[in-house]
Amino acid sequence: MNGQMLDAARWTLLAALVVTFGCGSGNGGGRVEFAEQGVTLELPPDWRRDPKSPHLIVGRSNPDDNLGTVERSPLQGKSLEAYVDEMLKTGGRVQSRTAMKISGCDAVEVISHAAYSLAEVFIVKNGSVIRVSFRALPDDFKKQEAAFHKTFQSITVR
């Protein structure tokens, strides 16, 4: 009887772990909401939300180097262009900078390269900037760049 109870306890624990960490995540991807930032988006395939940090996204193939974030910051009276200019002062070579609309909001997508390659979109909403960014090693970035663009196109802002 004790062996059966121990087996039942193990299966219960395993089921709880699967539900907590694996349910619906499969190989990554899927639509997720970042409620605090007011954003919903479709994650790239093979990327998942970090269960420990509500604003982090990690690539399964190389989670220490392939990271994403969803953050919201006050504009502090700056224009979107001035805000992006300030963010780009940190260095790196800017490959492209494209004005766009996301959910009817003004936005700028930036692709830049340094030790890591970055795909970022800055979205203005109600006096703040929502920044969705993905960083990856250059070789990984080349394989993922189209998926990052697709994620940016999927963003819904509340």
C-alpha atoms as a PDB file:
ATOM      1  CA  MET A   1       0.000   0.000   0.000  1.00  0.00           C
ATOM      2  CA  ASN A   2       2.824   2.417   0.824  1.00  0.00           C
ATOM      3  CA  GLY A   3       4.389   1.797  -2.609  1.00  0.00           C
ATOM      4  CA  GLN A   4       1.099   2.620  -4.321  1.00  0.00           C
ATOM      5  CA  MET A   5       0.700   5.809  -2.287  1.00  0.00           C
ATOM      6  CA  LEU A   6       4.281   6.838  -3.110  1.00  0.00           C
ATOM      7  CA  ASP A   7       3.667   6.188  -6.834  1.00  0.00           C
ATOM      8  CA  ALA A   8       0.438   8.196  -6.658  1.00  0.00           C
ATOM      9  CA  ALA A   9       2.265  11.057  -4.943  1.00  0.00           C
ATOM     10  CA  ARG A  10       4.984  11.016  -7.620  1.00  0.00           C
ATOM     11  CA  TRP A  11       2.410  11.122 -10.427  1.00  0.00           C
ATOM     12  CA  THR A  12       0.556  13.948  -8.709  1.00  0.00           C
ATOM     13  CA  LEU A  13       3.777  15.937  -8.362  1.00  0.00           C
ATOM     14  CA  LEU A  14       4.703  15.265 -11.984  1.00  0.00           C
ATOM     15  CA  ALA A  15       1.249  16.347 -13.162  1.00  0.00           C
ATOM     16  CA  ALA A  16       1.506  19.548 -11.098  1.00  0.00           C
ATOM     17  CA  LEU A  17       4.900  20.351 -12.628  1.00  0.00           C
ATOM     18  CA  VAL A  18       3.608  19.767 -16.145  1.00  0.00           C
ATOM     19  CA  VAL A  19       0.619  22.038 -15.542  1.00  0.00           C
ATOM     20  CA  THR A  20       2.742  24.719 -13.884  1.00  0.00           C
ATOM     21  CA  PHE A  21       5.638  24.803 -16.339  1.00  0.00           C
ATOM     22  CA  GLY A  22       4.623  22.975 -19.459  1.00  0.00           C
ATOM     23  CA  CYS A  23       0.912  23.254 -20.086  1.00  0.00           C
ATOM     24  CA  GLY A  24       0.299  25.034 -23.336  1.00  0.00           C
ATOM     25  CA  SER A  25       3.929  25.925 -23.841  1.00  0.00           C
ATOM     26  CA  GLY A  26       4.881  23.040 -26.123  1.00  0.00           C
ATOM     27  CA  ASN A  27       7.896  24.174 -28.083  1.00  0.00           C
ATOM     28  CA  GLY A  28       7.206  27.786 -27.269  1.00  0.00           C
ATOM     29  CA  GLY A  29       5.360  30.416 -29.199  1.00  0.00           C
ATOM     30  CA  GLY A  30       1.709  31.167 -28.619  1.00  0.00           C
ATOM     31  CA  ARG A  31      -0.199  34.319 -27.725  1.00  0.00           C
ATOM     32  CA  VAL A  32       0.650  35.787 -24.313  1.00  0.00           C
ATOM     33  CA  GLU A  33      -0.468  38.818 -22.354  1.00  0.00           C
ATOM     34  CA  PHE A  34       1.834  41.143 -20.464  1.00  0.00           C
ATOM     35  CA  ALA A  35      -0.924  42.752 -18.394  1.00  0.00           C
ATOM     36  CA  GLU A  36       1.291  45.157 -16.444  1.00  0.00           C
ATOM     37  CA  GLN A  37       2.643  46.618 -19.684  1.00  0.00           C
ATOM     38  CA  GLY A  38      -0.734  46.539 -21.483  1.00  0.00           C
ATOM     39  CA  VAL A  39       0.481  44.319 -24.328  1.00  0.00           C
ATOM     40  CA  THR A  40      -0.580  41.046 -25.915  1.00  0.00           C
ATOM     41  CA  LEU A  41       1.635  39.418 -28.533  1.00  0.00           C
ATOM     42  CA  GLU A  42       2.408  36.187 -30.354  1.00  0.00           C
ATOM     43  CA  LEU A  43       5.735  34.765 -29.173  1.00  0.00           C
ATOM     44  CA  PRO A  44       8.167  33.504 -31.801  1.00  0.00           C
ATOM     45  CA  PRO A  45       8.323  29.721 -32.123  1.00  0.00           C
ATOM     46  CA  ASP A  46      10.792  28.197 -29.663  1.00  0.00           C
ATOM     47  CA  TRP A  47      10.514  31.213 -27.303  1.00  0.00           C
ATOM     48  CA  ARG A  48       8.640  31.225 -24.004  1.00  0.00           C
ATOM     49  CA  ARG A  49       7.831  33.572 -21.194  1.00  0.00           C
ATOM     50  CA  ASP A  50      10.205  33.235 -18.241  1.00  0.00           C
ATOM     51  CA  PRO A  51       8.147  31.898 -15.304  1.00  0.00           C
ATOM     52  CA  LYS A  52      10.377  33.745 -12.792  1.00  0.00           C
ATOM     53  CA  SER A  53      10.241  37.214 -14.405  1.00  0.00           C
ATOM     54  CA  PRO A  54       6.936  38.510 -15.767  1.00  0.00           C
ATOM     55  CA  HIS A  55       8.573  40.803 -18.344  1.00  0.00           C
ATOM     56  CA  LEU A  56      11.211  38.359 -19.713  1.00  0.00           C
ATOM     57  CA  ILE A  57      11.033  36.115 -22.765  1.00  0.00           C
ATOM     58  CA  VAL A  58      13.688  33.453 -23.357  1.00  0.00           C
ATOM     59  CA  GLY A  59      14.740  31.476 -26.389  1.00  0.00           C
ATOM     60  CA  ARG A  60      14.767  27.773 -25.624  1.00  0.00           C
ATOM     61  CA  SER A  61      17.760  27.073 -27.854  1.00  0.00           C
ATOM     62  CA  ASN A  62      20.116  29.390 -25.958  1.00  0.00           C
ATOM     63  CA  PRO A  63      18.319  30.971 -22.959  1.00  0.00           C
ATOM     64  CA  ASP A  64      21.426  32.645 -21.509  1.00  0.00           C
ATOM     65  CA  ASP A  65      22.054  34.654 -24.663  1.00  0.00           C
ATOM     66  CA  ASN A  66      18.699  34.820 -26.462  1.00  0.00           C
ATOM     67  CA  LEU A  67      16.450  37.040 -24.367  1.00  0.00           C
ATOM     68  CA  GLY A  68      13.494  39.330 -24.842  1.00  0.00           C
ATOM     69  CA  THR A  69      11.775  41.922 -22.676  1.00  0.00           C
ATOM     70  CA  VAL A  70       8.485  43.771 -22.530  1.00  0.00           C
ATOM     71  CA  GLU A  71       8.824  47.005 -20.556  1.00  0.00           C
ATOM     72  CA  ARG A  72       6.842  50.193 -20.073  1.00  0.00           C
ATOM     73  CA  SER A  73       8.503  53.519 -19.154  1.00  0.00           C
ATOM     74  CA  PRO A  74       7.326  57.135 -18.942  1.00  0.00           C
ATOM     75  CA  LEU A  75       8.133  59.321 -21.953  1.00  0.00           C
ATOM     76  CA  GLN A  76       9.035  62.172 -19.557  1.00  0.00           C
ATOM     77  CA  GLY A  77       7.935  64.822 -22.046  1.00  0.00           C
ATOM     78  CA  LYS A  78      10.123  63.508 -24.872  1.00  0.00           C
ATOM     79  CA  SER A  79       8.959  62.718 -28.361  1.00  0.00           C
ATOM     80  CA  LEU A  80       9.142  59.109 -29.524  1.00  0.00           C
ATOM     81  CA  GLU A  81      12.040  60.003 -31.825  1.00  0.00           C
ATOM     82  CA  ALA A  82      13.992  61.665 -28.986  1.00  0.00           C
ATOM     83  CA  TYR A  83      13.326  58.690 -26.707  1.00  0.00           C
ATOM     84  CA  VAL A  84      14.594  56.224 -29.328  1.00  0.00           C
ATOM     85  CA  ASP A  85      17.627  58.430 -30.042  1.00  0.00           C
ATOM     86  CA  GLU A  86      18.509  58.335 -26.349  1.00  0.00           C
ATOM     87  CA  MET A  87      18.106  54.553 -26.175  1.00  0.00           C
ATOM     88  CA  LEU A  88      20.403  54.114 -29.178  1.00  0.00           C
ATOM     89  CA  LYS A  89      23.251  56.100 -27.586  1.00  0.00           C
ATOM     90  CA  THR A  90      24.378  52.919 -25.840  1.00  0.00           C
ATOM     91  CA  GLY A  91      26.229  51.890 -28.980  1.00  0.00           C
ATOM     92  CA  GLY A  92      25.962  49.337 -31.695  1.00  0.00           C
ATOM     93  CA  ARG A  93      25.430  49.718 -35.419  1.00  0.00           C
ATOM     94  CA  VAL A  94      21.861  50.576 -36.405  1.00  0.00           C
ATOM     95  CA  GLN A  95      20.851  48.514 -39.433  1.00  0.00           C
ATOM     96  CA  SER A  96      17.348  49.927 -39.752  1.00  0.00           C
ATOM     97  CA  ARG A  97      14.934  52.301 -38.064  1.00  0.00           C
ATOM     98  CA  THR A  98      11.365  52.173 -39.312  1.00  0.00           C
ATOM     99  CA  ALA A  99       8.358  54.259 -38.280  1.00  0.00           C
ATOM    100  CA  MET A 100       5.125  52.257 -38.089  1.00  0.00           C
ATOM    101  CA  LYS A 101       1.733  52.004 -36.375  1.00  0.00           C
ATOM    102  CA  ILE A 102       0.875  49.278 -33.860  1.00  0.00           C
ATOM    103  CA  SER A 103      -2.712  49.125 -32.596  1.00  0.00           C
ATOM    104  CA  GLY A 104      -3.141  52.663 -33.927  1.00  0.00           C
ATOM    105  CA  CYS A 105      -0.194  53.906 -31.835  1.00  0.00           C
ATOM    106  CA  ASP A 106       2.960  55.528 -33.184  1.00  0.00           C
ATOM    107  CA  ALA A 107       5.886  53.108 -33.078  1.00  0.00           C
ATOM    108  CA  VAL A 108       9.483  52.713 -34.253  1.00  0.00           C
ATOM    109  CA  GLU A 109      11.177  49.403 -35.031  1.00  0.00           C
ATOM    110  CA  VAL A 110      14.964  49.301 -34.684  1.00  0.00           C
ATOM    111  CA  ILE A 111      17.380  46.564 -35.743  1.00  0.00           C
ATOM    112  CA  SER A 112      20.930  46.988 -34.418  1.00  0.00           C
ATOM    113  CA  HIS A 113      24.092  44.953 -34.030  1.00  0.00           C
ATOM    114  CA  ALA A 114      26.939  44.827 -31.502  1.00  0.00           C
ATOM    115  CA  ALA A 115      28.068  41.799 -29.469  1.00  0.00           C
ATOM    116  CA  TYR A 116      24.388  40.816 -29.696  1.00  0.00           C
ATOM    117  CA  SER A 117      21.911  41.672 -32.410  1.00  0.00           C
ATOM    118  CA  LEU A 118      18.739  43.452 -31.295  1.00  0.00           C
ATOM    119  CA  ALA A 119      15.239  43.743 -32.716  1.00  0.00           C
ATOM    120  CA  GLU A 120      13.203  46.317 -30.802  1.00  0.00           C
ATOM    121  CA  VAL A 121       9.944  48.135 -31.187  1.00  0.00           C
ATOM    122  CA  PHE A 122       9.083  51.272 -29.207  1.00  0.00           C
ATOM    123  CA  ILE A 123       5.344  52.073 -28.974  1.00  0.00           C
ATOM    124  CA  VAL A 124       3.839  55.299 -27.580  1.00  0.00           C
ATOM    125  CA  LYS A 125       0.656  54.942 -25.525  1.00  0.00           C
ATOM    126  CA  ASN A 126      -0.784  57.454 -23.033  1.00  0.00           C
ATOM    127  CA  GLY A 127       2.457  59.275 -22.234  1.00  0.00           C
ATOM    128  CA  SER A 128       4.590  56.175 -21.943  1.00  0.00           C
ATOM    129  CA  VAL A 129       6.727  53.986 -24.169  1.00  0.00           C
ATOM    130  CA  ILE A 130       6.233  50.250 -24.400  1.00  0.00           C
ATOM    131  CA  ARG A 131       9.441  48.557 -25.519  1.00  0.00           C
ATOM    132  CA  VAL A 132       9.376  45.008 -26.848  1.00  0.00           C
ATOM    133  CA  SER A 133      12.861  43.745 -27.589  1.00  0.00           C
ATOM    134  CA  PHE A 134      14.656  40.570 -28.586  1.00  0.00           C
ATOM    135  CA  ARG A 135      18.399  40.047 -28.296  1.00  0.00           C
ATOM    136  CA  ALA A 136      20.270  37.104 -29.803  1.00  0.00           C
ATOM    137  CA  LEU A 137      23.750  36.082 -30.817  1.00  0.00           C
ATOM    138  CA  PRO A 138      24.365  37.179 -34.429  1.00  0.00           C
ATOM    139  CA  ASP A 139      24.083  33.669 -35.942  1.00  0.00           C
ATOM    140  CA  ASP A 140      20.884  32.958 -34.000  1.00  0.00           C
ATOM    141  CA  PHE A 141      19.502  36.388 -34.877  1.00  0.00           C
ATOM    142  CA  LYS A 142      19.760  35.735 -38.613  1.00  0.00           C
ATOM    143  CA  LYS A 143      17.588  32.631 -38.166  1.00  0.00           C
ATOM    144  CA  GLN A 144      15.081  34.432 -35.912  1.00  0.00           C
ATOM    145  CA  GLU A 145      14.759  37.919 -37.419  1.00  0.00           C
ATOM    146  CA  ALA A 146      11.656  37.162 -39.513  1.00  0.00           C
ATOM    147  CA  ALA A 147       9.941  35.686 -36.435  1.00  0.00           C
ATOM    148  CA  PHE A 148      10.752  38.836 -34.433  1.00  0.00           C
ATOM    149  CA  HIS A 149       9.137  40.997 -37.142  1.00  0.00           C
ATOM    150  CA  LYS A 150       6.080  38.745 -37.088  1.00  0.00           C
ATOM    151  CA  THR A 151       5.878  39.124 -33.295  1.00  0.00           C
ATOM    152  CA  PHE A 152       5.993  42.911 -33.622  1.00  0.00           C
ATOM    153  CA  GLN A 153       3.174  42.794 -36.175  1.00  0.00           C
ATOM    154  CA  SER A 154       1.072  40.683 -33.774  1.00  0.00           C
ATOM    155  CA  ILE A 155       1.229  43.189 -30.891  1.00  0.00           C
ATOM    156  CA  THR A 156      -2.025  44.493 -29.473  1.00  0.00           C
ATOM    157  CA  VAL A 157      -1.861  47.435 -27.071  1.00  0.00           C
ATOM    158  CA  ARG A 158      -4.585  48.204 -24.538  1.00  0.00           C
END
